[in-house]
Amino acid sequence: MIDPQLQSVKANLLADQRQGIVGRGTVTLHPKVVAISGSTATVVDCVYSTSELVYKATGKPVPPVTPPENDGIRATLVLTGGAWKLAKQTVTEGSCAPGS
């Protein structure tokens, strides 16, 4: 990842750590590259996720609790130092057809 996406993810992880929150569950990926132009690529996916956040001390879910679902992902990657890195990601929860 690169900034600002990287800083946003770090901030969320640190906040969860301070509150004693951990993630559990699984994520199934089927990414597809839909465009490449120079050093920029666009990748889409319909991610199946059973992941949830829970309080480490009790194992109880952090509200709001969502059931397993398919989430639409659209990611912009940039070629930096010979590696593709995430620059921007948009998630549309519960709004894609499985396998698309």
N, C-alpha and C. Protein backbone atom coordinates (compact mmCIF):
# COMPACT_ATOMS: atom_id res chain seq x y z
N MET A 1 0.83 -1.18 0.00
CA MET A 1 0.00 0.00 0.00
C MET A 1 0.88 1.25 0.00
N ILE A 2 0.29 2.31 -0.47
CA ILE A 2 0.94 3.62 -0.41
C ILE A 2 -0.02 4.59 0.27
N ASP A 3 0.51 5.73 0.69
CA ASP A 3 -0.33 6.76 1.30
C ASP A 3 -1.26 7.36 0.26
N PRO A 4 -2.46 7.77 0.63
CA PRO A 4 -3.02 7.84 1.97
C PRO A 4 -3.67 6.53 2.44
N GLN A 5 -3.84 5.56 1.53
CA GLN A 5 -4.47 4.29 1.89
C GLN A 5 -3.71 3.60 3.04
N LEU A 6 -2.39 3.60 2.98
CA LEU A 6 -1.58 2.96 4.00
C LEU A 6 -1.80 3.60 5.37
N GLN A 7 -1.80 4.91 5.44
CA GLN A 7 -1.98 5.59 6.72
C GLN A 7 -3.38 5.33 7.30
N SER A 8 -4.37 5.26 6.44
CA SER A 8 -5.74 4.98 6.89
C SER A 8 -5.84 3.58 7.50
N VAL A 9 -5.25 2.59 6.85
CA VAL A 9 -5.28 1.22 7.36
C VAL A 9 -4.50 1.12 8.68
N LYS A 10 -3.35 1.76 8.73
CA LYS A 10 -2.56 1.75 9.98
C LYS A 10 -3.35 2.36 11.13
N ALA A 11 -4.00 3.48 10.87
CA ALA A 11 -4.79 4.16 11.92
C ALA A 11 -5.91 3.27 12.42
N ASN A 12 -6.60 2.58 11.50
CA ASN A 12 -7.69 1.68 11.91
C ASN A 12 -7.16 0.50 12.73
N LEU A 13 -6.03 -0.06 12.33
CA LEU A 13 -5.45 -1.19 13.08
C LEU A 13 -5.00 -0.76 14.48
N LEU A 14 -4.40 0.41 14.57
CA LEU A 14 -3.96 0.91 15.88
C LEU A 14 -5.15 1.19 16.79
N ALA A 15 -6.22 1.75 16.24
CA ALA A 15 -7.43 2.02 17.03
C ALA A 15 -8.02 0.71 17.54
N ASP A 16 -8.08 -0.30 16.67
CA ASP A 16 -8.60 -1.60 17.10
C ASP A 16 -7.73 -2.20 18.20
N GLN A 17 -6.41 -2.10 18.04
CA GLN A 17 -5.49 -2.64 19.04
C GLN A 17 -5.71 -1.96 20.40
N ARG A 18 -5.85 -0.64 20.40
CA ARG A 18 -6.07 0.09 21.66
C ARG A 18 -7.37 -0.33 22.35
N GLN A 19 -8.37 -0.70 21.55
CA GLN A 19 -9.67 -1.08 22.10
C GLN A 19 -9.79 -2.57 22.37
N GLY A 20 -8.70 -3.32 22.10
CA GLY A 20 -8.74 -4.76 22.35
C GLY A 20 -9.59 -5.51 21.33
N ILE A 21 -9.62 -5.02 20.10
CA ILE A 21 -10.43 -5.63 19.05
C ILE A 21 -9.53 -6.41 18.09
N VAL A 22 -9.98 -7.62 17.75
CA VAL A 22 -9.26 -8.45 16.78
C VAL A 22 -10.25 -8.92 15.71
N GLY A 23 -9.71 -9.35 14.58
CA GLY A 23 -10.55 -9.88 13.51
C GLY A 23 -10.50 -11.40 13.49
N ARG A 24 -11.60 -12.00 13.06
CA ARG A 24 -11.62 -13.44 12.85
C ARG A 24 -12.54 -13.74 11.67
N GLY A 25 -12.34 -14.91 11.08
CA GLY A 25 -13.13 -15.29 9.92
C GLY A 25 -12.25 -15.46 8.70
N THR A 26 -12.90 -15.62 7.56
CA THR A 26 -12.17 -15.86 6.31
C THR A 26 -12.65 -14.90 5.22
N VAL A 27 -11.79 -14.75 4.22
CA VAL A 27 -12.10 -13.94 3.05
C VAL A 27 -11.69 -14.74 1.82
N THR A 28 -12.60 -14.89 0.87
CA THR A 28 -12.31 -15.61 -0.37
C THR A 28 -12.21 -14.60 -1.50
N LEU A 29 -11.06 -14.61 -2.18
CA LEU A 29 -10.78 -13.64 -3.23
C LEU A 29 -10.77 -14.28 -4.62
N HIS A 30 -11.22 -13.51 -5.61
CA HIS A 30 -11.16 -13.88 -7.03
C HIS A 30 -10.89 -12.61 -7.84
N PRO A 31 -9.75 -11.94 -7.63
CA PRO A 31 -9.51 -10.65 -8.29
C PRO A 31 -9.34 -10.77 -9.80
N LYS A 32 -9.79 -9.72 -10.49
CA LYS A 32 -9.65 -9.65 -11.94
C LYS A 32 -9.09 -8.29 -12.32
N VAL A 33 -8.03 -8.27 -13.11
CA VAL A 33 -7.49 -7.02 -13.63
C VAL A 33 -8.40 -6.59 -14.77
N VAL A 34 -8.97 -5.39 -14.67
CA VAL A 34 -9.88 -4.91 -15.72
C VAL A 34 -9.25 -3.81 -16.57
N ALA A 35 -8.14 -3.24 -16.10
CA ALA A 35 -7.48 -2.20 -16.90
C ALA A 35 -6.04 -2.02 -16.42
N ILE A 36 -5.15 -1.78 -17.38
CA ILE A 36 -3.77 -1.41 -17.08
C ILE A 36 -3.40 -0.28 -18.04
N SER A 37 -2.87 0.78 -17.48
CA SER A 37 -2.42 1.90 -18.29
C SER A 37 -1.13 2.44 -17.67
N GLY A 38 -0.01 2.16 -18.34
CA GLY A 38 1.27 2.60 -17.81
C GLY A 38 1.57 1.95 -16.48
N SER A 39 1.69 2.76 -15.44
CA SER A 39 2.02 2.24 -14.12
C SER A 39 0.81 2.19 -13.19
N THR A 40 -0.40 2.16 -13.78
CA THR A 40 -1.63 2.09 -12.99
C THR A 40 -2.49 0.92 -13.46
N ALA A 41 -3.06 0.19 -12.51
CA ALA A 41 -3.94 -0.93 -12.84
C ALA A 41 -5.21 -0.84 -12.00
N THR A 42 -6.30 -1.31 -12.57
CA THR A 42 -7.57 -1.38 -11.84
C THR A 42 -7.94 -2.85 -11.70
N VAL A 43 -8.25 -3.24 -10.47
CA VAL A 43 -8.61 -4.62 -10.15
C VAL A 43 -9.98 -4.60 -9.48
N VAL A 44 -10.85 -5.54 -9.88
CA VAL A 44 -12.16 -5.67 -9.24
C VAL A 44 -12.30 -7.08 -8.69
N ASP A 45 -13.19 -7.22 -7.72
CA ASP A 45 -13.44 -8.52 -7.12
C ASP A 45 -14.80 -8.51 -6.47
N CYS A 46 -15.36 -9.70 -6.33
CA CYS A 46 -16.54 -9.91 -5.50
C CYS A 46 -16.07 -10.82 -4.38
N VAL A 47 -15.74 -10.23 -3.27
CA VAL A 47 -15.10 -10.92 -2.15
C VAL A 47 -16.16 -11.52 -1.24
N TYR A 48 -16.04 -12.82 -0.94
CA TYR A 48 -16.92 -13.44 0.05
C TYR A 48 -16.23 -13.37 1.39
N SER A 49 -16.88 -12.75 2.37
CA SER A 49 -16.26 -12.54 3.66
C SER A 49 -17.12 -13.06 4.80
N THR A 50 -16.48 -13.85 5.68
CA THR A 50 -17.12 -14.26 6.93
C THR A 50 -16.43 -13.56 8.10
N SER A 51 -15.62 -12.55 7.77
CA SER A 51 -14.83 -11.89 8.81
C SER A 51 -15.70 -11.00 9.69
N GLU A 52 -15.29 -10.90 10.94
CA GLU A 52 -15.96 -10.02 11.88
C GLU A 52 -14.94 -9.54 12.91
N LEU A 53 -15.25 -8.43 13.52
CA LEU A 53 -14.42 -7.90 14.60
C LEU A 53 -15.00 -8.36 15.93
N VAL A 54 -14.11 -8.80 16.83
CA VAL A 54 -14.55 -9.24 18.16
C VAL A 54 -13.64 -8.62 19.22
N TYR A 55 -14.18 -8.52 20.43
CA TYR A 55 -13.36 -8.07 21.55
C TYR A 55 -12.51 -9.26 22.00
N LYS A 56 -11.20 -9.07 22.02
CA LYS A 56 -10.27 -10.15 22.34
C LYS A 56 -10.54 -10.75 23.71
N ALA A 57 -10.84 -9.92 24.69
CA ALA A 57 -11.03 -10.39 26.07
C ALA A 57 -12.25 -11.28 26.23
N THR A 58 -13.32 -11.00 25.47
CA THR A 58 -14.58 -11.73 25.66
C THR A 58 -14.97 -12.60 24.48
N GLY A 59 -14.43 -12.30 23.30
CA GLY A 59 -14.83 -13.02 22.09
C GLY A 59 -16.16 -12.57 21.54
N LYS A 60 -16.77 -11.56 22.17
CA LYS A 60 -18.07 -11.06 21.71
C LYS A 60 -17.89 -10.13 20.51
N PRO A 61 -18.81 -10.20 19.54
CA PRO A 61 -18.72 -9.36 18.35
C PRO A 61 -18.83 -7.87 18.66
N VAL A 62 -18.12 -7.08 17.87
CA VAL A 62 -18.19 -5.62 17.95
C VAL A 62 -19.35 -5.19 17.05
N PRO A 63 -20.31 -4.44 17.58
CA PRO A 63 -21.42 -3.98 16.74
C PRO A 63 -20.93 -2.96 15.71
N PRO A 64 -21.58 -2.84 14.56
CA PRO A 64 -22.71 -3.65 14.13
C PRO A 64 -22.24 -4.98 13.57
N VAL A 65 -22.97 -6.04 13.88
CA VAL A 65 -22.63 -7.38 13.41
C VAL A 65 -23.27 -7.58 12.04
N THR A 66 -22.46 -8.00 11.07
CA THR A 66 -22.99 -8.27 9.73
C THR A 66 -22.83 -9.74 9.41
N PRO A 67 -23.81 -10.32 8.72
CA PRO A 67 -23.70 -11.73 8.33
C PRO A 67 -22.66 -11.87 7.22
N PRO A 68 -22.20 -13.10 6.96
CA PRO A 68 -21.31 -13.32 5.83
C PRO A 68 -21.96 -12.75 4.56
N GLU A 69 -21.14 -12.13 3.71
CA GLU A 69 -21.70 -11.49 2.52
C GLU A 69 -20.67 -11.37 1.41
N ASN A 70 -21.15 -11.05 0.23
CA ASN A 70 -20.30 -10.76 -0.92
C ASN A 70 -20.18 -9.24 -1.03
N ASP A 71 -18.94 -8.75 -1.02
CA ASP A 71 -18.67 -7.32 -1.10
C ASP A 71 -17.95 -6.99 -2.40
N GLY A 72 -18.41 -5.95 -3.07
CA GLY A 72 -17.75 -5.49 -4.29
C GLY A 72 -16.52 -4.67 -3.94
N ILE A 73 -15.41 -4.98 -4.59
CA ILE A 73 -14.15 -4.27 -4.36
C ILE A 73 -13.67 -3.70 -5.69
N ARG A 74 -13.23 -2.45 -5.67
CA ARG A 74 -12.59 -1.81 -6.82
C ARG A 74 -11.30 -1.19 -6.29
N ALA A 75 -10.17 -1.66 -6.81
CA ALA A 75 -8.87 -1.21 -6.30
C ALA A 75 -8.04 -0.60 -7.42
N THR A 76 -7.34 0.47 -7.08
CA THR A 76 -6.38 1.09 -7.99
C THR A 76 -5.00 0.78 -7.45
N LEU A 77 -4.16 0.17 -8.30
CA LEU A 77 -2.80 -0.16 -7.92
C LEU A 77 -1.83 0.66 -8.76
N VAL A 78 -0.68 0.97 -8.17
CA VAL A 78 0.36 1.70 -8.89
C VAL A 78 1.65 0.90 -8.81
N LEU A 79 2.40 0.94 -9.91
CA LEU A 79 3.69 0.26 -9.96
C LEU A 79 4.73 1.17 -9.33
N THR A 80 5.25 0.75 -8.17
CA THR A 80 6.20 1.54 -7.41
C THR A 80 7.40 0.68 -7.05
N GLY A 81 8.58 1.08 -7.49
CA GLY A 81 9.79 0.33 -7.16
C GLY A 81 9.74 -1.11 -7.62
N GLY A 82 9.09 -1.38 -8.75
CA GLY A 82 9.02 -2.72 -9.29
C GLY A 82 7.94 -3.60 -8.69
N ALA A 83 7.08 -3.05 -7.82
CA ALA A 83 6.01 -3.83 -7.20
C ALA A 83 4.68 -3.08 -7.32
N TRP A 84 3.60 -3.84 -7.51
CA TRP A 84 2.27 -3.24 -7.55
C TRP A 84 1.80 -2.99 -6.11
N LYS A 85 1.38 -1.76 -5.84
CA LYS A 85 0.94 -1.40 -4.49
C LYS A 85 -0.44 -0.74 -4.55
N LEU A 86 -1.24 -1.01 -3.53
CA LEU A 86 -2.59 -0.46 -3.45
C LEU A 86 -2.55 1.03 -3.17
N ALA A 87 -3.18 1.80 -4.04
CA ALA A 87 -3.25 3.25 -3.86
C ALA A 87 -4.62 3.68 -3.35
N LYS A 88 -5.68 2.99 -3.80
CA LYS A 88 -7.04 3.36 -3.42
C LYS A 88 -7.92 2.13 -3.52
N GLN A 89 -8.85 2.01 -2.59
CA GLN A 89 -9.78 0.88 -2.61
C GLN A 89 -11.16 1.34 -2.22
N THR A 90 -12.15 0.91 -2.97
CA THR A 90 -13.54 1.21 -2.66
C THR A 90 -14.27 -0.11 -2.41
N VAL A 91 -14.97 -0.20 -1.29
CA VAL A 91 -15.72 -1.40 -0.94
C VAL A 91 -17.20 -1.06 -0.93
N THR A 92 -17.98 -1.87 -1.65
CA THR A 92 -19.44 -1.72 -1.63
C THR A 92 -19.98 -2.98 -0.97
N GLU A 93 -20.39 -2.83 0.27
CA GLU A 93 -20.78 -3.99 1.08
C GLU A 93 -22.07 -4.61 0.59
N GLY A 94 -22.04 -5.95 0.46
CA GLY A 94 -23.24 -6.72 0.14
C GLY A 94 -23.81 -6.48 -1.24
N SER A 95 -22.96 -6.04 -2.20
CA SER A 95 -23.57 -5.66 -3.48
C SER A 95 -22.82 -6.19 -4.71
N CYS A 96 -22.58 -7.49 -4.75
CA CYS A 96 -22.03 -8.06 -5.97
C CYS A 96 -22.49 -9.51 -6.07
N ALA A 97 -22.48 -10.00 -7.29
CA ALA A 97 -22.88 -11.39 -7.52
C ALA A 97 -21.70 -12.31 -7.22
N PRO A 98 -21.91 -13.37 -6.46
CA PRO A 98 -20.81 -14.31 -6.17
C PRO A 98 -20.12 -14.77 -7.45
N GLY A 99 -18.80 -14.78 -7.42
CA GLY A 99 -18.02 -15.23 -8.56
C GLY A 99 -17.83 -14.19 -9.64
N SER A 100 -18.37 -12.98 -9.45
CA SER A 100 -18.22 -11.95 -10.48
C SER A 100 -16.99 -11.11 -10.24
